[in-house]
Each structure stands twice: as C-alpha cells, then as structure tokens.
Amino acid sequence: MNIRKLQKITVDALEDIKAKDIEVLNTSKLTSMFDRMIVASADSTRQVKALAMNVVEKVKEAGGEVHGIEGEDAGEWVLVDLGDIVVHVMQPTIRSYYNLEELWRTKPKRAQAKSEAGAEQPDIA
C-alpha cells in the first residue's frame, strides 16, 4: 500500500473516534526505519485503546499490514507499527512529557543557520 493511502486511512481512523491534536511528521529524511510518524491525543485510557484498535481494524480492512502494537495494557500510550508509519496515541500528560513532535521535527537548514549565526556569545572577561 502506498504511503499516502496508508496515511489517509490512519488519520481517518483516528478522526472517527475523535482523536485530538493529530500531527503527521515526515521522518523519511531522519530515519530509514519509517517514513511517517503520526501522533494523536485521547482523553482516557479507554479512548487511547479504542483509537489504536480502530487504526488496526481500518488498516487491515484496506489490505494493509500491522507489524505490532505496544502499550495496550496500560493505555496511557499505545504505539501501532504499520511499517512505513508509526502511530502514537497518547494521553495529553504523557504526550507533553515525552514531546515526540519536538524530537522528530526538523528545522529548515536556512532557519537553523540563521539562528546559530545570530546566537549571543557569552561575555568572557
């Protein structure tokens, strides 16, 4: 299944059960392990589990493959491995603590170089 179709199926499955703050990150230039990371929030452990299971069901219905699921027991953070896409469904406190989006987001090189050039240098006396 192509990555765009898999991404659409996954995001639609999350939206079906009212996931919040869905964010899709393109990680293809950062790692060869997967091309996209999708992070979404849920209000309760029950919703976290339901969102993850809905993703699994919808991907399988479309003929996609689910490589693994982790974290179902606790329900605070469930990871669904779809091969090219890794889905993280988290409760808001867990999501803000681990801040995966910040870890995996890339800045454009031009903005990075500009911020490094304009950084203040400490006074050394």
Protein backbone atom coordinates (compact mmCIF):
# COMPACT_ATOMS: atom_id res chain seq x y z
CA MET A 1 0.00 0.00 0.00
CA ASN A 2 1.40 3.40 -0.84
CA ILE A 3 2.31 5.76 1.97
CA ARG A 4 -0.30 8.43 1.15
CA LYS A 5 -3.16 5.95 1.16
CA LEU A 6 -1.93 4.40 4.42
CA GLN A 7 -1.59 7.86 5.99
CA LYS A 8 -5.13 8.83 4.94
CA ILE A 9 -6.62 5.60 6.28
CA THR A 10 -4.78 6.09 9.58
CA VAL A 11 -5.76 9.74 10.05
CA ASP A 12 -9.37 8.97 9.11
CA ALA A 13 -9.44 6.12 11.65
CA LEU A 14 -8.18 8.49 14.35
CA GLU A 15 -10.70 11.17 13.42
CA ASP A 16 -13.54 8.60 13.51
CA ILE A 17 -13.08 8.17 17.28
CA LYS A 18 -12.42 11.87 17.94
CA ALA A 19 -8.66 11.88 18.44
CA LYS A 20 -7.31 15.32 19.32
CA ASP A 21 -4.30 17.23 18.02
CA ILE A 22 -3.42 14.77 15.25
CA GLU A 23 0.00 15.58 13.89
CA VAL A 24 1.72 13.89 10.93
CA LEU A 25 5.50 14.15 10.79
CA ASN A 26 7.54 13.26 7.71
CA THR A 27 10.53 11.34 9.07
CA SER A 28 11.84 9.98 5.77
CA LYS A 29 14.94 12.20 5.88
CA LEU A 30 15.64 11.41 9.55
CA THR A 31 15.50 7.62 9.62
CA SER A 32 15.20 4.70 7.23
CA MET A 33 13.03 2.77 9.71
CA PHE A 34 9.75 4.53 8.82
CA ASP A 35 8.57 7.42 6.65
CA ARG A 36 5.85 8.98 8.80
CA MET A 37 5.04 9.37 12.45
CA ILE A 38 1.50 10.18 13.47
CA VAL A 39 0.87 11.44 17.00
CA ALA A 40 -2.61 11.87 18.45
CA SER A 41 -4.13 12.56 21.87
CA ALA A 42 -7.02 10.89 23.67
CA ASP A 43 -8.86 11.87 26.84
CA SER A 44 -8.83 8.50 28.62
CA THR A 45 -7.20 5.08 28.62
CA ARG A 46 -10.37 3.68 27.08
CA GLN A 47 -10.18 6.17 24.19
CA VAL A 48 -6.44 5.55 23.69
CA LYS A 49 -7.13 1.83 23.29
CA ALA A 50 -10.18 2.41 21.07
CA LEU A 51 -8.23 4.73 18.76
CA ALA A 52 -5.38 2.26 18.40
CA MET A 53 -7.76 -0.63 17.72
CA ASN A 54 -9.67 1.42 15.15
CA VAL A 55 -6.42 2.17 13.31
CA VAL A 56 -5.56 -1.54 13.32
CA GLU A 57 -9.02 -2.54 12.05
CA LYS A 58 -9.18 0.09 9.29
CA VAL A 59 -5.66 -0.67 8.04
CA LYS A 60 -6.37 -4.41 7.94
CA GLU A 61 -9.72 -3.82 6.17
CA ALA A 62 -7.86 -1.86 3.48
CA GLY A 63 -5.39 -4.71 3.00
CA GLY A 64 -2.55 -3.15 4.97
CA GLU A 65 -0.28 -4.92 7.42
CA VAL A 66 0.06 -4.20 11.13
CA HIS A 67 3.54 -5.16 12.35
CA GLY A 68 2.89 -4.70 16.06
CA ILE A 69 1.08 -2.97 18.89
CA GLU A 70 2.66 -1.92 22.19
CA GLY A 71 1.22 -0.40 25.36
CA GLU A 72 -2.34 -1.71 25.22
CA ASP A 73 -2.27 -2.94 28.81
CA ALA A 74 -1.59 0.43 30.43
CA GLY A 75 -3.50 2.50 27.89
CA GLU A 76 -1.65 5.76 28.52
CA TRP A 77 0.41 5.43 25.33
CA VAL A 78 -0.21 2.90 22.58
CA LEU A 79 2.14 2.54 19.65
CA VAL A 80 0.90 0.96 16.42
CA ASP A 81 3.60 -0.11 13.96
CA LEU A 82 2.34 -0.06 10.38
CA GLY A 83 5.77 -0.43 8.81
CA ASP A 84 6.11 2.84 6.89
CA ILE A 85 4.06 4.66 9.52
CA VAL A 86 4.36 4.56 13.30
CA VAL A 87 1.29 5.77 15.19
CA HIS A 88 1.48 7.06 18.78
CA VAL A 89 -1.82 7.51 20.62
CA MET A 90 -1.24 9.18 23.97
CA GLN A 91 -2.97 10.87 26.84
CA PRO A 92 -2.13 14.61 26.91
CA THR A 93 0.10 14.50 30.01
CA ILE A 94 2.19 11.67 28.54
CA ARG A 95 2.35 13.43 25.18
CA SER A 96 3.57 16.70 26.66
CA TYR A 97 6.12 14.92 28.86
CA TYR A 98 7.76 12.98 26.01
CA ASN A 99 7.20 15.71 23.38
CA LEU A 100 7.84 13.39 20.42
CA GLU A 101 6.95 16.06 17.89
CA GLU A 102 9.85 18.24 19.04
CA LEU A 103 12.27 15.32 18.96
CA TRP A 104 11.36 14.32 15.40
CA ARG A 105 10.65 17.72 13.85
CA THR A 106 13.33 19.20 11.66
CA LYS A 107 14.05 22.88 11.13
CA PRO A 108 14.82 24.11 7.64
CA LYS A 109 18.61 24.43 7.25
CA ARG A 110 18.35 28.14 6.42
CA ALA A 111 16.48 28.91 9.68
CA GLN A 112 18.91 26.75 11.65
CA ALA A 113 21.97 28.51 10.21
CA LYS A 114 20.40 31.92 10.79
CA SER A 115 19.60 31.16 14.43
CA GLU A 116 23.11 29.80 15.05
CA ALA A 117 24.72 32.87 13.45
CA GLY A 118 22.60 35.26 15.50
CA ALA A 119 23.11 33.48 18.80
CA GLU A 120 24.55 35.64 21.54
CA GLN A 121 28.03 34.80 22.64
CA PRO A 122 28.72 34.83 26.37
CA ASP A 123 30.96 37.59 27.74
CA ILE A 124 34.32 36.22 28.73
CA ALA A 125 36.33 38.68 30.74
